[in-house]
Protein backbone atom coordinates (compact mmCIF):
# COMPACT_ATOMS: atom_id res chain seq x y z
CA MET A 1 -22.81 -24.26 -84.14
CA THR A 2 -25.52 -22.37 -82.87
CA LYS A 3 -24.32 -18.59 -81.32
CA LYS A 4 -26.21 -18.23 -77.88
CA ALA A 5 -26.46 -15.16 -76.34
CA ILE A 6 -28.16 -14.02 -72.76
CA ILE A 7 -30.65 -10.70 -72.89
CA LEU A 8 -31.93 -8.49 -69.95
CA LEU A 9 -35.32 -8.89 -69.88
CA SER A 10 -37.59 -6.49 -68.41
CA GLY A 11 -40.97 -7.02 -69.69
CA GLY A 12 -40.52 -3.67 -71.39
CA LEU A 13 -40.36 -1.68 -74.93
CA ASP A 14 -36.67 -1.64 -75.08
CA SER A 15 -35.76 -5.22 -73.85
CA VAL A 16 -38.42 -7.19 -76.19
CA THR A 17 -37.13 -5.37 -79.50
CA VAL A 18 -33.31 -6.14 -77.95
CA LEU A 19 -34.51 -10.03 -77.71
CA ALA A 20 -35.91 -10.13 -81.41
CA LYS A 21 -33.11 -8.33 -82.82
CA ALA A 22 -30.40 -11.01 -81.09
CA GLN A 23 -32.67 -14.00 -82.90
CA GLN A 24 -33.02 -12.23 -85.74
CA GLN A 25 -29.21 -12.24 -85.63
CA GLY A 26 -29.01 -16.08 -85.29
CA PHE A 27 -28.81 -16.26 -81.23
CA ALA A 28 -30.36 -18.89 -79.43
CA VAL A 29 -31.40 -16.89 -76.48
CA TYR A 30 -31.31 -16.98 -72.47
CA ALA A 31 -33.57 -14.47 -70.98
CA LEU A 32 -32.92 -13.31 -67.26
CA SER A 33 -35.07 -10.92 -65.25
CA PHE A 34 -34.76 -9.55 -62.08
CA ASP A 35 -37.55 -9.09 -59.35
CA TYR A 36 -35.71 -6.49 -57.85
CA GLY A 37 -37.87 -5.13 -55.05
CA GLN A 38 -39.61 -2.91 -57.84
CA LYS A 39 -43.10 -1.80 -57.22
CA HIS A 40 -44.13 -1.62 -60.86
CA ASN A 41 -43.40 -5.98 -60.55
CA ALA A 42 -46.03 -6.50 -63.51
CA GLU A 43 -43.16 -6.06 -65.70
CA LEU A 44 -41.77 -9.57 -64.51
CA ALA A 45 -45.46 -11.31 -65.80
CA PHE A 46 -45.10 -9.50 -68.94
CA ALA A 47 -41.37 -10.63 -69.43
CA LYS A 48 -42.34 -14.09 -69.20
CA GLN A 49 -45.07 -13.89 -71.53
CA ILE A 50 -42.46 -12.50 -73.94
CA ALA A 51 -39.86 -15.56 -72.75
CA THR A 52 -43.14 -17.79 -73.51
CA GLN A 53 -43.85 -16.17 -77.14
CA TYR A 54 -40.12 -16.19 -78.32
CA GLN A 55 -39.39 -19.54 -77.07
CA VAL A 56 -36.19 -18.30 -75.44
CA ILE A 57 -34.24 -21.78 -74.40
CA GLU A 58 -34.61 -20.42 -70.58
CA HIS A 59 -36.17 -17.82 -68.75
CA LYS A 60 -34.60 -16.67 -65.32
CA ILE A 61 -36.14 -14.73 -62.35
CA ILE A 62 -33.71 -13.53 -60.07
CA ARG A 63 -34.77 -12.21 -56.68
CA LEU A 64 -32.68 -8.96 -55.47
CA GLY A 65 -32.99 -7.03 -52.25
CA LEU A 66 -32.30 -4.00 -53.30
CA GLY A 67 -35.61 -2.29 -51.70
CA ALA A 68 -33.85 -3.05 -48.49
CA MET A 69 -31.47 0.16 -49.72
CA GLY A 70 -33.82 2.36 -50.89
CA GLY A 71 -32.94 5.48 -52.53
CA SER A 72 -34.91 5.38 -55.59
CA ALA A 73 -38.82 6.27 -56.02
CA LEU A 74 -39.23 2.63 -57.64
CA ILE A 75 -37.97 0.37 -54.84
CA ASP A 76 -38.75 2.80 -51.89
CA ALA A 77 -42.52 2.92 -50.22
CA ASP A 78 -41.38 6.28 -48.82
CA LEU A 79 -40.74 7.96 -52.16
CA THR A 80 -43.16 8.60 -54.82
CA VAL A 81 -42.57 8.41 -58.82
CA PRO A 82 -42.77 11.97 -60.28
CA ILE A 83 -44.97 13.13 -62.41
CA ALA A 84 -43.28 16.49 -63.77
CA PRO A 85 -39.69 15.59 -65.83
CA GLN A 86 -37.04 16.21 -63.42
CA ALA A 87 -33.70 18.39 -64.15
CA GLY A 88 -30.31 15.81 -63.65
CA ILE A 89 -30.48 12.32 -62.31
CA PRO A 90 -34.07 11.87 -61.11
CA ILE A 91 -35.40 10.16 -58.29
CA THR A 92 -36.42 7.08 -60.13
CA TYR A 93 -32.89 6.41 -60.78
CA VAL A 94 -32.21 2.99 -58.79
CA PRO A 95 -28.71 3.05 -58.01
CA ALA A 96 -26.15 0.74 -59.52
CA ARG A 97 -29.37 -1.41 -61.18
CA ASN A 98 -27.63 -1.85 -64.54
CA THR A 99 -24.15 -2.71 -62.52
CA VAL A 100 -25.84 -5.34 -60.40
CA PHE A 101 -27.48 -6.61 -63.74
CA LEU A 102 -24.40 -7.39 -65.91
CA ALA A 103 -22.74 -9.01 -63.09
CA PHE A 104 -25.27 -11.55 -62.98
CA ALA A 105 -25.53 -11.72 -66.71
CA LEU A 106 -21.73 -11.92 -66.90
CA GLY A 107 -21.50 -14.77 -63.91
CA TRP A 108 -24.34 -16.85 -65.78
CA ALA A 109 -22.83 -16.52 -69.41
CA GLU A 110 -19.50 -17.93 -67.82
CA VAL A 111 -22.00 -20.88 -66.56
CA LEU A 112 -23.71 -21.44 -69.67
CA ASP A 113 -20.48 -20.77 -72.17
CA VAL A 114 -21.97 -18.00 -73.38
CA GLN A 115 -20.04 -14.74 -75.03
CA ASP A 116 -23.18 -12.44 -75.69
CA ILE A 117 -25.04 -10.30 -73.30
CA PHE A 118 -27.48 -7.97 -74.43
CA ILE A 119 -28.84 -5.46 -72.84
CA GLY A 120 -31.39 -2.65 -73.82
CA VAL A 121 -29.87 0.82 -72.58
CA ASN A 122 -30.72 4.00 -74.68
CA ALA A 123 -28.43 7.10 -74.71
CA VAL A 124 -30.80 9.09 -76.66
CA ASP A 125 -34.38 9.34 -74.87
CA TYR A 126 -33.40 8.23 -71.67
CA SER A 127 -34.23 9.58 -68.16
CA GLY A 128 -30.98 11.35 -67.25
CA TYR A 129 -30.22 7.29 -65.85
CA PRO A 130 -26.08 6.93 -65.50
CA ASP A 131 -25.77 3.31 -66.51
CA CYS A 132 -27.52 4.24 -69.86
CA ARG A 133 -24.47 5.86 -70.98
CA PRO A 134 -22.03 4.11 -73.65
CA GLN A 135 -19.24 5.20 -71.04
CA PHE A 136 -20.68 2.92 -68.37
CA ILE A 137 -21.15 -0.18 -71.23
CA GLU A 138 -17.13 0.58 -72.31
CA ALA A 139 -16.56 0.15 -68.45
CA PHE A 140 -18.33 -2.99 -67.94
CA GLN A 141 -16.99 -4.33 -71.78
CA ALA A 142 -13.32 -3.26 -69.99
CA LEU A 143 -14.36 -4.89 -66.52
CA ALA A 144 -15.90 -8.28 -68.25
CA ASN A 145 -12.21 -8.77 -69.69
CA VAL A 146 -10.52 -8.57 -66.86
CA ALA A 147 -12.76 -10.01 -64.02
CA THR A 148 -13.61 -13.59 -65.54
CA LYS A 149 -12.42 -16.91 -66.79
CA ALA A 150 -13.49 -16.44 -70.03
CA GLY A 151 -11.96 -13.24 -70.09
CA VAL A 152 -8.59 -14.48 -68.70
CA GLU A 153 -8.30 -17.03 -70.80
CA GLY A 154 -9.19 -15.13 -73.84
CA HIS A 155 -12.78 -15.99 -74.92
CA THR A 156 -14.33 -12.58 -74.38
CA ILE A 157 -17.83 -12.22 -73.44
CA GLN A 158 -19.29 -9.01 -75.08
CA ILE A 159 -21.59 -6.36 -73.97
CA HIS A 160 -24.20 -5.33 -76.59
CA ALA A 161 -26.24 -2.45 -76.59
CA PRO A 162 -27.62 -2.27 -79.50
CA LEU A 163 -30.31 0.54 -78.88
CA ILE A 164 -27.66 2.72 -77.24
CA HIS A 165 -28.11 5.43 -79.91
CA MET A 166 -31.05 5.18 -81.37
CA SER A 167 -34.19 7.40 -80.75
CA LYS A 168 -37.55 5.54 -79.05
CA GLY A 169 -38.96 5.89 -82.27
CA GLU A 170 -36.60 4.66 -83.88
CA ILE A 171 -36.53 1.59 -81.81
CA ILE A 172 -40.38 1.30 -82.18
CA LEU A 173 -39.58 1.45 -85.82
CA GLN A 174 -37.21 -1.12 -86.00
CA GLY A 175 -39.11 -3.36 -83.89
CA ILE A 176 -41.98 -3.25 -85.84
CA GLU A 177 -40.13 -4.72 -89.08
CA LEU A 178 -38.77 -7.41 -86.14
CA GLY A 179 -42.92 -8.53 -85.72
CA VAL A 180 -42.52 -7.45 -82.12
CA ASP A 181 -45.95 -6.48 -80.78
CA TYR A 182 -45.60 -3.80 -78.54
CA ALA A 183 -49.09 -4.07 -76.87
CA HIS A 184 -47.67 -6.91 -74.73
CA THR A 185 -45.12 -4.71 -72.93
CA VAL A 186 -44.85 -2.62 -69.93
CA SER A 187 -42.52 0.13 -69.64
CA CYS A 188 -44.43 2.19 -66.96
CA TYR A 189 -42.93 2.92 -63.34
CA ALA A 190 -46.39 2.90 -61.81
CA ALA A 191 -48.21 0.62 -63.65
CA ASP A 192 -51.00 -1.28 -61.83
CA ALA A 193 -50.92 -4.92 -60.88
CA ALA A 194 -53.29 -5.37 -64.52
CA GLY A 195 -50.06 -3.81 -66.10
CA LEU A 196 -52.21 -0.66 -67.18
CA ALA A 197 -49.72 2.16 -67.09
CA CYS A 198 -50.21 5.21 -65.70
CA GLY A 199 -49.89 7.56 -68.41
CA GLU A 200 -47.91 9.93 -66.34
CA CYS A 201 -44.63 9.33 -65.40
CA ASP A 202 -41.51 9.74 -67.40
CA ALA A 203 -40.67 6.50 -68.69
CA CYS A 204 -45.25 6.71 -70.12
CA ARG A 205 -43.85 10.07 -71.57
CA LEU A 206 -41.46 8.98 -73.46
CA ARG A 207 -42.65 5.99 -74.84
CA CYS A 208 -45.78 7.79 -75.88
CA GLU A 209 -43.86 10.07 -77.33
CA GLY A 210 -41.54 7.51 -79.32
CA PHE A 211 -44.90 6.12 -80.72
CA SER A 212 -46.07 9.40 -81.81
CA GLN A 213 -42.18 10.14 -84.10
CA ALA A 214 -42.77 6.87 -85.07
CA GLY A 215 -46.22 7.60 -86.71
CA VAL A 216 -47.62 4.50 -84.86
CA VAL A 217 -50.74 3.92 -83.01
CA ASP A 218 -50.04 3.69 -79.19
CA PRO A 219 -51.12 0.54 -77.74
CA THR A 220 -50.15 1.17 -74.49
CA ARG A 221 -53.22 0.20 -71.94
CA TYR A 222 -53.76 2.89 -70.07
CA GLN A 223 -55.01 3.25 -66.45
CA ASN A 224 -57.33 5.88 -67.54
CA ARG A 225 -57.44 5.66 -71.48
CA LYS A 226 -56.12 7.94 -73.14
CA SER A 227 -58.27 9.36 -76.37
């Protein structure tokens, strides 16, 4: 019997690597993306393309109103995405975002009778977000065990974070081994409608450094093309 998994698919570098990795491991994939009020919603177009390219069984895009709460430069019209790296938890952190995303994935997993959920969080090259740490994944796993019908009946839904201890360079090298084309992903916090990256935000910096670490040419399309 073919194993099934839900992949949280943002349209970015990490999530497509996770998708390719899950398929390599023999999982039949369902993809879940979110229109949560992000200003950089060009990523959803990339998520659709990736879902089609990898021939996932089904791709859902769930609309959430996180923008109504504000509190993050990614969703609040009154806040600007910073260029310089910030100390501590940056203003680009979206409150409880991964908690909400995983909760939806957990619900869909019960509906589909899926026992594996994959998320591309990373605790090495990350921006200081609390919901990208191993402690968060461990805590949500404990929640999944007690908060679901599946968990209570002994059919635990496993939360996988295969990239969590990897550097961005290591992720890129693994993705290339899996045949991932990173030219068709976007990581930028301030990408334009066509998906062109700003080249200045924290996400762009981490991505660029990752390609440099990997010794791989950066295929990212920039608004002002880098040399």
